[in-house]
C-alpha atoms as a PDB file:
ATOM      1  CA  MET A   1      86.338  81.533  25.005  1.00  0.00           C
ATOM      2  CA  ASN A   2      83.383  81.161  22.715  1.00  0.00           C
ATOM      3  CA  LYS A   3      82.858  83.009  19.448  1.00  0.00           C
ATOM      4  CA  GLN A   4      80.606  85.699  20.955  1.00  0.00           C
ATOM      5  CA  GLN A   5      83.081  86.530  23.741  1.00  0.00           C
ATOM      6  CA  PHE A   6      85.902  86.640  21.205  1.00  0.00           C
ATOM      7  CA  ARG A   7      83.977  89.141  19.069  1.00  0.00           C
ATOM      8  CA  TRP A   8      83.266  91.326  22.102  1.00  0.00           C
ATOM      9  CA  SER A   9      86.911  91.246  23.152  1.00  0.00           C
ATOM     10  CA  LEU A  10      88.001  92.258  19.642  1.00  0.00           C
ATOM     11  CA  LEU A  11      85.425  95.065  19.650  1.00  0.00           C
ATOM     12  CA  LEU A  12      86.719  96.252  23.034  1.00  0.00           C
ATOM     13  CA  GLU A  13      90.270  96.132  21.670  1.00  0.00           C
ATOM     14  CA  LEU A  14      89.220  98.225  18.669  1.00  0.00           C
ATOM     15  CA  ILE A  15      87.523 100.747  20.965  1.00  0.00           C
ATOM     16  CA  GLY A  16      90.708 100.870  23.046  1.00  0.00           C
ATOM     17  CA  TRP A  17      92.800 101.680  19.990  1.00  0.00           C
ATOM     18  CA  ILE A  18      90.325 104.361  18.920  1.00  0.00           C
ATOM     19  CA  VAL A  19      90.504 105.941  22.395  1.00  0.00           C
ATOM     20  CA  THR A  20      94.304 105.772  22.185  1.00  0.00           C
ATOM     21  CA  ALA A  21      94.231 107.545  18.819  1.00  0.00           C
ATOM     22  CA  VAL A  22      91.921 110.252  20.185  1.00  0.00           C
ATOM     23  CA  ILE A  23      94.201 110.847  23.185  1.00  0.00           C
ATOM     24  CA  LEU A  24      97.183 110.953  20.840  1.00  0.00           C
ATOM     25  CA  VAL A  25      95.539 113.582  18.640  1.00  0.00           C
ATOM     26  CA  PHE A  26      94.437 115.762  21.559  1.00  0.00           C
ATOM     27  CA  VAL A  27      97.816 115.659  23.280  1.00  0.00           C
ATOM     28  CA  LEU A  28      99.891 116.225  20.142  1.00  0.00           C
ATOM     29  CA  PHE A  29      97.641 118.827  18.493  1.00  0.00           C
ATOM     30  CA  PRO A  30      99.203 121.865  20.247  1.00  0.00           C
ATOM     31  CA  ILE A  31     102.662 120.595  19.329  1.00  0.00           C
ATOM     32  CA  ALA A  32     101.727 119.984  15.690  1.00  0.00           C
ATOM     33  CA  GLN A  33     100.128 123.392  15.513  1.00  0.00           C
ATOM     34  CA  ALA A  34     103.206 125.247  16.779  1.00  0.00           C
ATOM     35  CA  TYR A  35     106.180 123.264  15.464  1.00  0.00           C
ATOM     36  CA  LYS A  36     107.306 122.750  11.903  1.00  0.00           C
ATOM     37  CA  ASP A  37     110.185 120.479  12.912  1.00  0.00           C
ATOM     38  CA  PHE A  38     109.684 118.873  16.318  1.00  0.00           C
ATOM     39  CA  PRO A  39     112.679 116.626  17.142  1.00  0.00           C
ATOM     40  CA  PHE A  40     110.850 114.061  19.301  1.00  0.00           C
ATOM     41  CA  TRP A  41     107.772 112.976  17.304  1.00  0.00           C
ATOM     42  CA  LYS A  42     108.570 109.263  17.311  1.00  0.00           C
ATOM     43  CA  GLU A  43     109.452 109.128  20.983  1.00  0.00           C
ATOM     44  CA  ASN A  44     106.405 111.149  21.953  1.00  0.00           C
ATOM     45  CA  ILE A  45     104.018 108.950  19.979  1.00  0.00           C
ATOM     46  CA  LEU A  46     105.688 105.825  21.361  1.00  0.00           C
ATOM     47  CA  PHE A  47     105.377 107.073  24.952  1.00  0.00           C
ATOM     48  CA  ILE A  48     101.692 107.950  24.608  1.00  0.00           C
ATOM     49  CA  VAL A  49     100.697 104.741  22.812  1.00  0.00           C
ATOM     50  CA  THR A  50     102.703 102.593  25.226  1.00  0.00           C
ATOM     51  CA  PHE A  51     101.328 104.278  28.319  1.00  0.00           C
ATOM     52  CA  VAL A  52      97.683 104.132  27.250  1.00  0.00           C
ATOM     53  CA  THR A  53      97.830 100.619  25.769  1.00  0.00           C
ATOM     54  CA  LEU A  54      99.757  98.941  28.587  1.00  0.00           C
ATOM     55  CA  THR A  55      97.709 100.665  31.280  1.00  0.00           C
ATOM     56  CA  ARG A  56      94.504  99.583  29.558  1.00  0.00           C
ATOM     57  CA  THR A  57      95.777  96.014  29.263  1.00  0.00           C
ATOM     58  CA  ILE A  58      96.951  95.882  32.884  1.00  0.00           C
ATOM     59  CA  PHE A  59      93.518  96.820  34.192  1.00  0.00           C
ATOM     60  CA  LEU A  60      91.301  95.200  31.543  1.00  0.00           C
ATOM     61  CA  LEU A  61      93.273  92.016  30.865  1.00  0.00           C
ATOM     62  CA  LYS A  62      90.302  89.722  31.374  1.00  0.00           C
ATOM     63  CA  HIS A  63      88.534  91.474  28.494  1.00  0.00           C
ATOM     64  CA  THR A  64      91.347  91.000  25.965  1.00  0.00           C
ATOM     65  CA  PHE A  65      91.315  88.321  23.300  1.00  0.00           C
ATOM     66  CA  PHE A  66      94.500  86.741  24.716  1.00  0.00           C
ATOM     67  CA  ALA A  67      93.269  86.586  28.327  1.00  0.00           C
ATOM     68  CA  ARG A  68      93.431  82.782  28.471  1.00  0.00           C
ATOM     69  CA  ILE A  69      96.291  82.174  26.019  1.00  0.00           C
ATOM     70  CA  TRP A  70      99.264  81.630  28.292  1.00  0.00           C
ATOM     71  CA  TRP A  71     102.006  81.596  25.648  1.00  0.00           C
ATOM     72  CA  VAL A  72     100.997  85.031  24.286  1.00  0.00           C
ATOM     73  CA  LYS A  73     101.175  86.511  27.783  1.00  0.00           C
ATOM     74  CA  PHE A  74     104.520  84.795  28.370  1.00  0.00           C
ATOM     75  CA  ILE A  75     105.966  86.207  25.116  1.00  0.00           C
ATOM     76  CA  LEU A  76     104.637  89.684  25.931  1.00  0.00           C
ATOM     77  CA  ALA A  77     106.174  89.523  29.408  1.00  0.00           C
ATOM     78  CA  ILE A  78     109.586  88.507  28.033  1.00  0.00           C
ATOM     79  CA  ALA A  79     109.461  91.063  25.182  1.00  0.00           C
ATOM     80  CA  CYS A  80     108.653  93.817  27.647  1.00  0.00           C
ATOM     81  CA  ILE A  81     112.040  93.550  29.365  1.00  0.00           C
ATOM     82  CA  PRO A  82     114.188  94.918  26.488  1.00  0.00           C
ATOM     83  CA  PHE A  83     111.373  97.332  25.633  1.00  0.00           C
ATOM     84  CA  ILE A  84     111.726  98.895  29.108  1.00  0.00           C
ATOM     85  CA  PHE A  85     115.394  99.586  28.415  1.00  0.00           C
ATOM     86  CA  PHE A  86     114.497 101.124  25.051  1.00  0.00           C
ATOM     87  CA  LEU A  87     111.959 103.428  26.726  1.00  0.00           C
ATOM     88  CA  ILE A  88     114.493 104.454  29.365  1.00  0.00           C
ATOM     89  CA  SER A  89     117.068 105.141  26.646  1.00  0.00           C
ATOM     90  CA  SER A  90     114.586 107.256  24.688  1.00  0.00           C
ATOM     91  CA  LEU A  91     113.686 109.301  27.752  1.00  0.00           C
ATOM     92  CA  TYR A  92     117.389 109.699  28.551  1.00  0.00           C
ATOM     93  CA  ASP A  93     118.026 111.005  25.015  1.00  0.00           C
ATOM     94  CA  ILE A  94     115.342 113.653  25.496  1.00  0.00           C
ATOM     95  CA  GLN A  95     116.766 114.633  28.875  1.00  0.00           C
ATOM     96  CA  ALA A  96     120.296 114.784  27.415  1.00  0.00           C
ATOM     97  CA  PHE A  97     119.039 117.048  24.613  1.00  0.00           C
ATOM     98  CA  LEU A  98     117.428 119.367  27.141  1.00  0.00           C
ATOM     99  CA  ASP A  99     120.536 119.315  29.367  1.00  0.00           C
ATOM    100  CA  TRP A 100     122.909 120.144  26.513  1.00  0.00           C
ATOM    101  CA  ASN A 101     120.720 122.656  24.692  1.00  0.00           C
ATOM    102  CA  GLY A 102     118.607 124.055  27.490  1.00  0.00           C
ATOM    103  CA  LEU A 103     114.871 123.874  27.955  1.00  0.00           C
ATOM    104  CA  TYR A 104     114.253 126.798  25.610  1.00  0.00           C
ATOM    105  CA  ALA A 105     115.913 125.012  22.706  1.00  0.00           C
ATOM    106  CA  LEU A 106     112.408 123.585  22.194  1.00  0.00           C
ATOM    107  CA  GLY A 107     111.258 127.151  21.607  1.00  0.00           C
ATOM    108  CA  ALA A 108     113.939 127.979  19.039  1.00  0.00           C
ATOM    109  CA  ASP A 109     112.712 129.903  15.999  1.00  0.00           C
ATOM    110  CA  GLU A 110     114.012 127.294  13.545  1.00  0.00           C
ATOM    111  CA  LEU A 111     111.732 124.665  15.131  1.00  0.00           C
ATOM    112  CA  LEU A 112     108.596 126.798  15.299  1.00  0.00           C
ATOM    113  CA  LYS A 113     106.276 127.602  12.418  1.00  0.00           C
ATOM    114  CA  GLU A 114     106.172 131.264  13.456  1.00  0.00           C
ATOM    115  CA  PRO A 115     107.902 133.254  16.191  1.00  0.00           C
ATOM    116  CA  LEU A 116     105.903 133.364  19.402  1.00  0.00           C
ATOM    117  CA  ALA A 117     105.672 135.917  22.167  1.00  0.00           C
ATOM    118  CA  GLU A 118     107.806 135.140  25.202  1.00  0.00           C
ATOM    119  CA  ALA A 119     104.885 134.114  27.444  1.00  0.00           C
ATOM    120  CA  LYS A 120     103.336 131.917  24.766  1.00  0.00           C
ATOM    121  CA  MET A 121     106.665 130.275  23.973  1.00  0.00           C
ATOM    122  CA  ARG A 122     107.320 129.642  27.674  1.00  0.00           C
ATOM    123  CA  SER A 123     103.933 127.967  28.129  1.00  0.00           C
ATOM    124  CA  LEU A 124     104.415 125.877  24.979  1.00  0.00           C
ATOM    125  CA  VAL A 125     107.871 124.722  26.073  1.00  0.00           C
ATOM    126  CA  GLU A 126     106.569 123.843  29.547  1.00  0.00           C
ATOM    127  CA  TYR A 127     103.657 121.933  28.003  1.00  0.00           C
ATOM    128  CA  VAL A 128     105.982 119.949  25.742  1.00  0.00           C
ATOM    129  CA  ARG A 129     108.427 119.185  28.551  1.00  0.00           C
ATOM    130  CA  ASN A 130     105.724 118.157  31.029  1.00  0.00           C
ATOM    131  CA  GLU A 131     103.873 116.080  28.449  1.00  0.00           C
ATOM    132  CA  LEU A 132     107.039 114.269  27.329  1.00  0.00           C
ATOM    133  CA  PHE A 133     108.076 113.418  30.864  1.00  0.00           C
ATOM    134  CA  LEU A 134     104.560 112.503  32.021  1.00  0.00           C
ATOM    135  CA  PHE A 135     103.998 109.983  29.259  1.00  0.00           C
ATOM    136  CA  GLY A 136     107.665 108.914  29.226  1.00  0.00           C
ATOM    137  CA  THR A 137     107.798 108.014  32.904  1.00  0.00           C
ATOM    138  CA  GLY A 138     104.235 106.661  32.787  1.00  0.00           C
ATOM    139  CA  SER A 139     105.127 104.330  29.925  1.00  0.00           C
ATOM    140  CA  ILE A 140     108.230 103.099  31.743  1.00  0.00           C
ATOM    141  CA  ILE A 141     106.238 102.403  34.913  1.00  0.00           C
ATOM    142  CA  ALA A 142     103.463 100.658  32.959  1.00  0.00           C
ATOM    143  CA  ALA A 143     106.040  98.606  31.043  1.00  0.00           C
ATOM    144  CA  PHE A 144     107.661  97.638  34.356  1.00  0.00           C
ATOM    145  CA  ILE A 145     104.340  96.480  35.878  1.00  0.00           C
ATOM    146  CA  PHE A 146     103.108  94.748  32.705  1.00  0.00           C
ATOM    147  CA  PRO A 147     105.317  91.581  32.854  1.00  0.00           C
ATOM    148  CA  PHE A 148     104.348  90.963  36.475  1.00  0.00           C
ATOM    149  CA  ARG A 149     100.675  91.265  35.572  1.00  0.00           C
ATOM    150  CA  MET A 150     101.149  88.777  32.716  1.00  0.00           C
ATOM    151  CA  ILE A 151     102.941  86.269  34.955  1.00  0.00           C
ATOM    152  CA  VAL A 152     100.274  86.564  37.663  1.00  0.00           C
ATOM    153  CA  SER A 153      97.603  86.072  35.015  1.00  0.00           C
ATOM    154  CA  VAL A 154      99.306  82.949  33.650  1.00  0.00           C
ATOM    155  CA  TRP A 155      99.481  81.537  37.173  1.00  0.00           C
ATOM    156  CA  ARG A 156      95.829  82.357  37.857  1.00  0.00           C
ATOM    157  CA  VAL A 157      94.609  80.750  34.617  1.00  0.00           C
ATOM    158  CA  ARG A 158      96.590  77.572  35.288  1.00  0.00           C
ATOM    159  CA  ASN A 159      95.812  77.235  39.016  1.00  0.00           C
ATOM    160  CA  ARG A 160      92.495  78.976  39.628  1.00  0.00           C
ATOM    161  CA  GLY A 161      90.835  79.179  36.232  1.00  0.00           C
ATOM    162  CA  THR A 162      90.503  82.984  36.444  1.00  0.00           C
ATOM    163  CA  VAL A 163      92.393  85.765  34.680  1.00  0.00           C
END
């Protein structure tokens, strides 16, 4: 990879992180607006960043700065295996919280900035639940596919000269 291609790949990576940050802000804004003490901030941010970043890398691998560096892809593929178990554990913790406390525990008055009407609280709780499980399961699926994509890419670079 020459210097110009490397600069373009770093610029594309920066644009990808900016898009990830914008998605993160838009998805979490309703939650930040309504909750004063949301119990799953870290997990939620991790799910969104993981889903968007791994999905982007799976489909745009040839445009990344490590597209032809086999050992980086190998390390990422190996590191992804325990990360999958961590994501599953985090999603299980959220599900266990909802099972023990009920879905409307997310609409409890001590978590919210101000009491909401029943219909508004119901829609907020449904939004939070659906968003958590969408990005949670999406990040697990993307993290499951990611190592296979890295291994295929390593094979292609070594045997075909493509990414």
